[in-house]
Amino acid sequence: MNPITQQRIESIISSSPIMVFMKGTKLMPQCGFSNNVVQILNSLGVSFDTFDVLSDEEIRQGIKDFSSWPTIPQVYVKGEFIGGSDILIELYNSGELREKLEVALAS
């Protein structure tokens, strides 16, 4: 990944306490996995921002390289990569996600 793309990704991640790289937007997800993440975060009542990877091919590929995670969506909390749709579902079902978000957002 080129340094400019890496810098853009770091800037996007740091622009919000909870950032989701996804297909579409939180108001109009463009795939089921992205929609799962939006529904989970909405159900927890947390504020989050999204970046539509369909709008930017460099970021779409770059975020996969950045996180060493091959799929979209990708969720970052306070700059830390949490995971994708399956991981969020697991964390949500176990109650860990609510706890992790409360701790991160309180600090």
N, C-alpha and C. Protein backbone atom coordinates (compact mmCIF):
# COMPACT_ATOMS: atom_id res chain seq x y z
N MET A 1 0.85 -1.18 0.00
CA MET A 1 0.00 0.00 0.00
C MET A 1 0.89 1.24 0.00
N ASN A 2 0.48 2.23 -0.78
CA ASN A 2 1.30 3.44 -0.83
C ASN A 2 1.07 4.29 0.42
N PRO A 3 2.06 5.09 0.79
CA PRO A 3 2.00 5.88 2.03
C PRO A 3 0.81 6.85 2.07
N ILE A 4 0.42 7.37 0.92
CA ILE A 4 -0.71 8.31 0.88
C ILE A 4 -2.01 7.60 1.26
N THR A 5 -2.22 6.41 0.72
CA THR A 5 -3.42 5.63 1.05
C THR A 5 -3.40 5.27 2.54
N GLN A 6 -2.25 4.86 3.04
CA GLN A 6 -2.16 4.50 4.46
C GLN A 6 -2.49 5.71 5.34
N GLN A 7 -1.97 6.86 4.96
CA GLN A 7 -2.24 8.08 5.72
C GLN A 7 -3.73 8.44 5.67
N ARG A 8 -4.35 8.27 4.50
CA ARG A 8 -5.80 8.53 4.38
C ARG A 8 -6.60 7.60 5.29
N ILE A 9 -6.24 6.32 5.30
CA ILE A 9 -6.94 5.34 6.13
C ILE A 9 -6.78 5.70 7.61
N GLU A 10 -5.57 6.02 8.03
CA GLU A 10 -5.35 6.40 9.43
C GLU A 10 -6.15 7.63 9.80
N SER A 11 -6.25 8.58 8.88
CA SER A 11 -7.02 9.80 9.11
C SER A 11 -8.52 9.49 9.24
N ILE A 12 -9.03 8.62 8.38
CA ILE A 12 -10.45 8.23 8.44
C ILE A 12 -10.73 7.53 9.77
N ILE A 13 -9.88 6.59 10.14
CA ILE A 13 -10.07 5.84 11.39
C ILE A 13 -10.08 6.78 12.59
N SER A 14 -9.17 7.74 12.61
CA SER A 14 -9.06 8.64 13.77
C SER A 14 -10.13 9.73 13.77
N SER A 15 -10.91 9.82 12.71
CA SER A 15 -11.92 10.89 12.63
C SER A 15 -13.17 10.60 13.46
N SER A 16 -13.31 9.38 13.98
CA SER A 16 -14.50 9.02 14.75
C SER A 16 -14.16 7.93 15.76
N PRO A 17 -14.76 7.99 16.96
CA PRO A 17 -14.50 6.93 17.95
C PRO A 17 -14.90 5.54 17.42
N ILE A 18 -15.97 5.47 16.63
CA ILE A 18 -16.37 4.20 16.02
C ILE A 18 -16.49 4.44 14.52
N MET A 19 -15.62 3.79 13.76
CA MET A 19 -15.62 3.94 12.31
C MET A 19 -15.84 2.57 11.67
N VAL A 20 -16.77 2.54 10.72
CA VAL A 20 -17.07 1.30 10.00
C VAL A 20 -16.76 1.52 8.52
N PHE A 21 -15.86 0.71 8.00
CA PHE A 21 -15.61 0.66 6.56
C PHE A 21 -16.58 -0.37 6.01
N MET A 22 -17.46 0.07 5.13
CA MET A 22 -18.53 -0.82 4.68
C MET A 22 -18.91 -0.53 3.24
N LYS A 23 -19.74 -1.40 2.69
CA LYS A 23 -20.31 -1.17 1.37
C LYS A 23 -21.62 -0.42 1.57
N GLY A 24 -21.65 0.82 1.10
CA GLY A 24 -22.81 1.67 1.32
C GLY A 24 -22.60 2.56 2.53
N THR A 25 -23.71 3.08 3.03
CA THR A 25 -23.68 3.96 4.20
C THR A 25 -24.58 3.39 5.28
N LYS A 26 -24.51 3.98 6.48
CA LYS A 26 -25.37 3.45 7.55
C LYS A 26 -26.84 3.65 7.23
N LEU A 27 -27.16 4.64 6.41
CA LEU A 27 -28.56 4.84 6.01
C LEU A 27 -28.96 3.93 4.85
N MET A 28 -27.97 3.47 4.08
CA MET A 28 -28.27 2.63 2.93
C MET A 28 -27.15 1.60 2.70
N PRO A 29 -27.08 0.59 3.58
CA PRO A 29 -26.06 -0.46 3.39
C PRO A 29 -26.26 -1.17 2.05
N GLN A 30 -25.15 -1.53 1.41
CA GLN A 30 -25.22 -2.15 0.09
C GLN A 30 -24.91 -3.65 0.11
N CYS A 31 -24.77 -4.23 1.29
CA CYS A 31 -24.64 -5.69 1.38
C CYS A 31 -25.14 -6.14 2.75
N GLY A 32 -25.48 -7.40 2.83
CA GLY A 32 -26.06 -7.95 4.07
C GLY A 32 -25.11 -7.89 5.25
N PHE A 33 -23.83 -8.13 5.01
CA PHE A 33 -22.86 -8.10 6.11
C PHE A 33 -22.72 -6.69 6.68
N SER A 34 -22.67 -5.70 5.78
CA SER A 34 -22.61 -4.31 6.24
C SER A 34 -23.89 -3.95 7.00
N ASN A 35 -25.03 -4.42 6.50
CA ASN A 35 -26.30 -4.15 7.18
C ASN A 35 -26.31 -4.77 8.58
N ASN A 36 -25.75 -5.99 8.74
CA ASN A 36 -25.68 -6.63 10.07
C ASN A 36 -24.96 -5.71 11.06
N VAL A 37 -23.81 -5.17 10.63
CA VAL A 37 -23.02 -4.32 11.51
C VAL A 37 -23.81 -3.06 11.89
N VAL A 38 -24.44 -2.44 10.91
CA VAL A 38 -25.24 -1.23 11.17
C VAL A 38 -26.36 -1.54 12.16
N GLN A 39 -27.06 -2.65 11.97
CA GLN A 39 -28.17 -3.02 12.86
C GLN A 39 -27.68 -3.27 14.29
N ILE A 40 -26.54 -3.94 14.42
CA ILE A 40 -25.98 -4.21 15.75
C ILE A 40 -25.63 -2.90 16.45
N LEU A 41 -24.90 -2.03 15.77
CA LEU A 41 -24.49 -0.76 16.39
C LEU A 41 -25.70 0.11 16.70
N ASN A 42 -26.69 0.14 15.80
CA ASN A 42 -27.91 0.91 16.07
C ASN A 42 -28.64 0.36 17.29
N SER A 43 -28.69 -0.97 17.42
CA SER A 43 -29.41 -1.57 18.55
C SER A 43 -28.74 -1.24 19.88
N LEU A 44 -27.43 -0.98 19.84
CA LEU A 44 -26.70 -0.61 21.06
C LEU A 44 -26.79 0.89 21.35
N GLY A 45 -27.36 1.63 20.41
CA GLY A 45 -27.57 3.06 20.62
C GLY A 45 -26.30 3.88 20.61
N VAL A 46 -25.26 3.40 19.93
CA VAL A 46 -24.01 4.16 19.89
C VAL A 46 -23.94 4.96 18.60
N SER A 47 -23.26 6.07 18.69
CA SER A 47 -23.03 6.91 17.53
C SER A 47 -21.81 6.36 16.80
N PHE A 48 -21.91 6.25 15.49
CA PHE A 48 -20.78 5.76 14.70
C PHE A 48 -20.80 6.40 13.32
N ASP A 49 -19.65 6.37 12.69
CA ASP A 49 -19.53 6.90 11.34
C ASP A 49 -19.14 5.77 10.40
N THR A 50 -19.41 6.01 9.11
CA THR A 50 -19.10 4.99 8.12
C THR A 50 -18.31 5.59 6.97
N PHE A 51 -17.57 4.72 6.30
CA PHE A 51 -16.90 5.10 5.05
C PHE A 51 -17.32 4.08 4.01
N ASP A 52 -17.88 4.57 2.90
CA ASP A 52 -18.36 3.71 1.83
C ASP A 52 -17.19 3.31 0.93
N VAL A 53 -16.74 2.06 1.05
CA VAL A 53 -15.59 1.61 0.27
C VAL A 53 -15.93 1.50 -1.22
N LEU A 54 -17.22 1.46 -1.55
CA LEU A 54 -17.60 1.40 -2.96
C LEU A 54 -17.30 2.72 -3.67
N SER A 55 -17.13 3.77 -2.89
CA SER A 55 -16.87 5.09 -3.47
C SER A 55 -15.38 5.34 -3.72
N ASP A 56 -14.52 4.43 -3.26
CA ASP A 56 -13.08 4.67 -3.35
C ASP A 56 -12.32 3.35 -3.41
N GLU A 57 -11.91 2.96 -4.61
CA GLU A 57 -11.25 1.66 -4.80
C GLU A 57 -9.93 1.56 -4.03
N GLU A 58 -9.18 2.65 -3.93
CA GLU A 58 -7.90 2.61 -3.19
C GLU A 58 -8.14 2.27 -1.73
N ILE A 59 -9.15 2.90 -1.13
CA ILE A 59 -9.47 2.62 0.28
C ILE A 59 -10.05 1.21 0.41
N ARG A 60 -10.87 0.82 -0.56
CA ARG A 60 -11.49 -0.52 -0.51
C ARG A 60 -10.43 -1.61 -0.41
N GLN A 61 -9.38 -1.52 -1.23
CA GLN A 61 -8.31 -2.51 -1.17
C GLN A 61 -7.35 -2.21 -0.02
N GLY A 62 -7.07 -0.93 0.18
CA GLY A 62 -6.11 -0.53 1.19
C GLY A 62 -6.49 -0.93 2.60
N ILE A 63 -7.78 -0.85 2.93
CA ILE A 63 -8.21 -1.18 4.30
C ILE A 63 -7.99 -2.66 4.57
N LYS A 64 -8.11 -3.50 3.55
CA LYS A 64 -7.85 -4.94 3.72
C LYS A 64 -6.38 -5.19 4.02
N ASP A 65 -5.51 -4.45 3.33
CA ASP A 65 -4.07 -4.57 3.59
C ASP A 65 -3.72 -3.99 4.96
N PHE A 66 -4.34 -2.85 5.28
CA PHE A 66 -4.06 -2.14 6.53
C PHE A 66 -4.34 -3.03 7.74
N SER A 67 -5.46 -3.74 7.71
CA SER A 67 -5.87 -4.55 8.86
C SER A 67 -5.45 -6.01 8.75
N SER A 68 -4.94 -6.40 7.58
CA SER A 68 -4.67 -7.82 7.30
C SER A 68 -5.94 -8.65 7.47
N TRP A 69 -7.05 -8.07 7.08
CA TRP A 69 -8.36 -8.73 7.18
C TRP A 69 -8.97 -8.66 5.78
N PRO A 70 -9.36 -9.80 5.19
CA PRO A 70 -9.70 -9.83 3.77
C PRO A 70 -11.09 -9.34 3.38
N THR A 71 -11.94 -9.07 4.35
CA THR A 71 -13.33 -8.77 3.99
C THR A 71 -13.79 -7.41 4.53
N ILE A 72 -14.89 -6.95 3.95
CA ILE A 72 -15.59 -5.74 4.35
C ILE A 72 -16.95 -6.21 4.85
N PRO A 73 -17.52 -5.67 5.90
CA PRO A 73 -17.14 -4.48 6.64
C PRO A 73 -16.02 -4.72 7.64
N GLN A 74 -15.44 -3.60 8.07
CA GLN A 74 -14.44 -3.61 9.13
C GLN A 74 -14.79 -2.52 10.13
N VAL A 75 -14.75 -2.89 11.41
CA VAL A 75 -15.12 -1.97 12.48
C VAL A 75 -13.89 -1.61 13.32
N TYR A 76 -13.72 -0.31 13.53
CA TYR A 76 -12.63 0.22 14.36
C TYR A 76 -13.25 0.99 15.52
N VAL A 77 -12.75 0.73 16.73
CA VAL A 77 -13.20 1.45 17.92
C VAL A 77 -11.97 2.10 18.55
N LYS A 78 -12.01 3.44 18.62
CA LYS A 78 -10.87 4.21 19.14
C LYS A 78 -9.57 3.78 18.46
N GLY A 79 -9.63 3.59 17.15
CA GLY A 79 -8.45 3.26 16.38
C GLY A 79 -8.07 1.79 16.35
N GLU A 80 -8.75 0.97 17.15
CA GLU A 80 -8.42 -0.46 17.23
C GLU A 80 -9.36 -1.25 16.33
N PHE A 81 -8.78 -2.12 15.49
CA PHE A 81 -9.59 -2.99 14.63
C PHE A 81 -10.28 -4.04 15.50
N ILE A 82 -11.61 -4.09 15.40
CA ILE A 82 -12.39 -5.05 16.19
C ILE A 82 -12.70 -6.30 15.37
N GLY A 83 -13.10 -6.11 14.12
CA GLY A 83 -13.41 -7.25 13.27
C GLY A 83 -14.47 -6.90 12.25
N GLY A 84 -15.00 -7.94 11.62
CA GLY A 84 -16.03 -7.78 10.62
C GLY A 84 -17.38 -8.22 11.15
N SER A 85 -18.27 -8.53 10.24
CA SER A 85 -19.65 -8.87 10.60
C SER A 85 -19.73 -10.07 11.54
N ASP A 86 -19.06 -11.17 11.21
CA ASP A 86 -19.15 -12.38 12.05
C ASP A 86 -18.62 -12.14 13.46
N ILE A 87 -17.50 -11.43 13.56
CA ILE A 87 -16.92 -11.13 14.87
C ILE A 87 -17.87 -10.25 15.68
N LEU A 88 -18.45 -9.24 15.02
CA LEU A 88 -19.38 -8.35 15.73
C LEU A 88 -20.60 -9.11 16.23
N ILE A 89 -21.11 -10.02 15.41
CA ILE A 89 -22.27 -10.83 15.82
C ILE A 89 -21.91 -11.65 17.06
N GLU A 90 -20.74 -12.28 17.04
CA GLU A 90 -20.30 -13.08 18.20
C GLU A 90 -20.17 -12.22 19.45
N LEU A 91 -19.49 -11.07 19.30
CA LEU A 91 -19.28 -10.18 20.44
C LEU A 91 -20.61 -9.63 20.96
N TYR A 92 -21.53 -9.34 20.05
CA TYR A 92 -22.86 -8.83 20.43
C TYR A 92 -23.62 -9.90 21.22
N ASN A 93 -23.65 -11.11 20.68
CA ASN A 93 -24.41 -12.20 21.32
C ASN A 93 -23.86 -12.56 22.69
N SER A 94 -22.55 -12.40 22.89
CA SER A 94 -21.95 -12.75 24.18
C SER A 94 -22.03 -11.59 25.18
N GLY A 95 -22.40 -10.39 24.70
CA GLY A 95 -22.45 -9.23 25.57
C GLY A 95 -21.13 -8.47 25.62
N GLU A 96 -20.09 -9.03 25.02
CA GLU A 96 -18.77 -8.40 25.07
C GLU A 96 -18.73 -7.09 24.30
N LEU A 97 -19.51 -6.99 23.21
CA LEU A 97 -19.45 -5.79 22.39
C LEU A 97 -19.93 -4.57 23.16
N ARG A 98 -21.06 -4.71 23.84
CA ARG A 98 -21.59 -3.59 24.63
C ARG A 98 -20.54 -3.13 25.65
N GLU A 99 -19.95 -4.10 26.33
CA GLU A 99 -18.93 -3.81 27.35
C GLU A 99 -17.72 -3.11 26.74
N LYS A 100 -17.24 -3.65 25.63
CA LYS A 100 -16.07 -3.08 24.94
C LYS A 100 -16.34 -1.65 24.49
N LEU A 101 -17.53 -1.40 23.95
CA LEU A 101 -17.88 -0.05 23.49
C LEU A 101 -18.02 0.91 24.66
N GLU A 102 -18.65 0.46 25.75
CA GLU A 102 -18.82 1.35 26.91
C GLU A 102 -17.48 1.76 27.48
N VAL A 103 -16.56 0.82 27.58
CA VAL A 103 -15.22 1.12 28.11
C VAL A 103 -14.49 2.08 27.18
N ALA A 104 -14.51 1.78 25.89
CA ALA A 104 -13.79 2.60 24.91
C ALA A 104 -14.36 4.02 24.84
N LEU A 105 -15.66 4.13 24.88
CA LEU A 105 -16.28 5.45 24.73
C LEU A 105 -16.23 6.27 26.02
N ALA A 106 -16.02 5.59 27.15
CA ALA A 106 -15.93 6.31 28.42
C ALA A 106 -14.55 6.93 28.61
N SER A 107 -13.55 6.36 27.95
CA SER A 107 -12.18 6.85 28.15
C SER A 107 -11.84 8.00 27.22
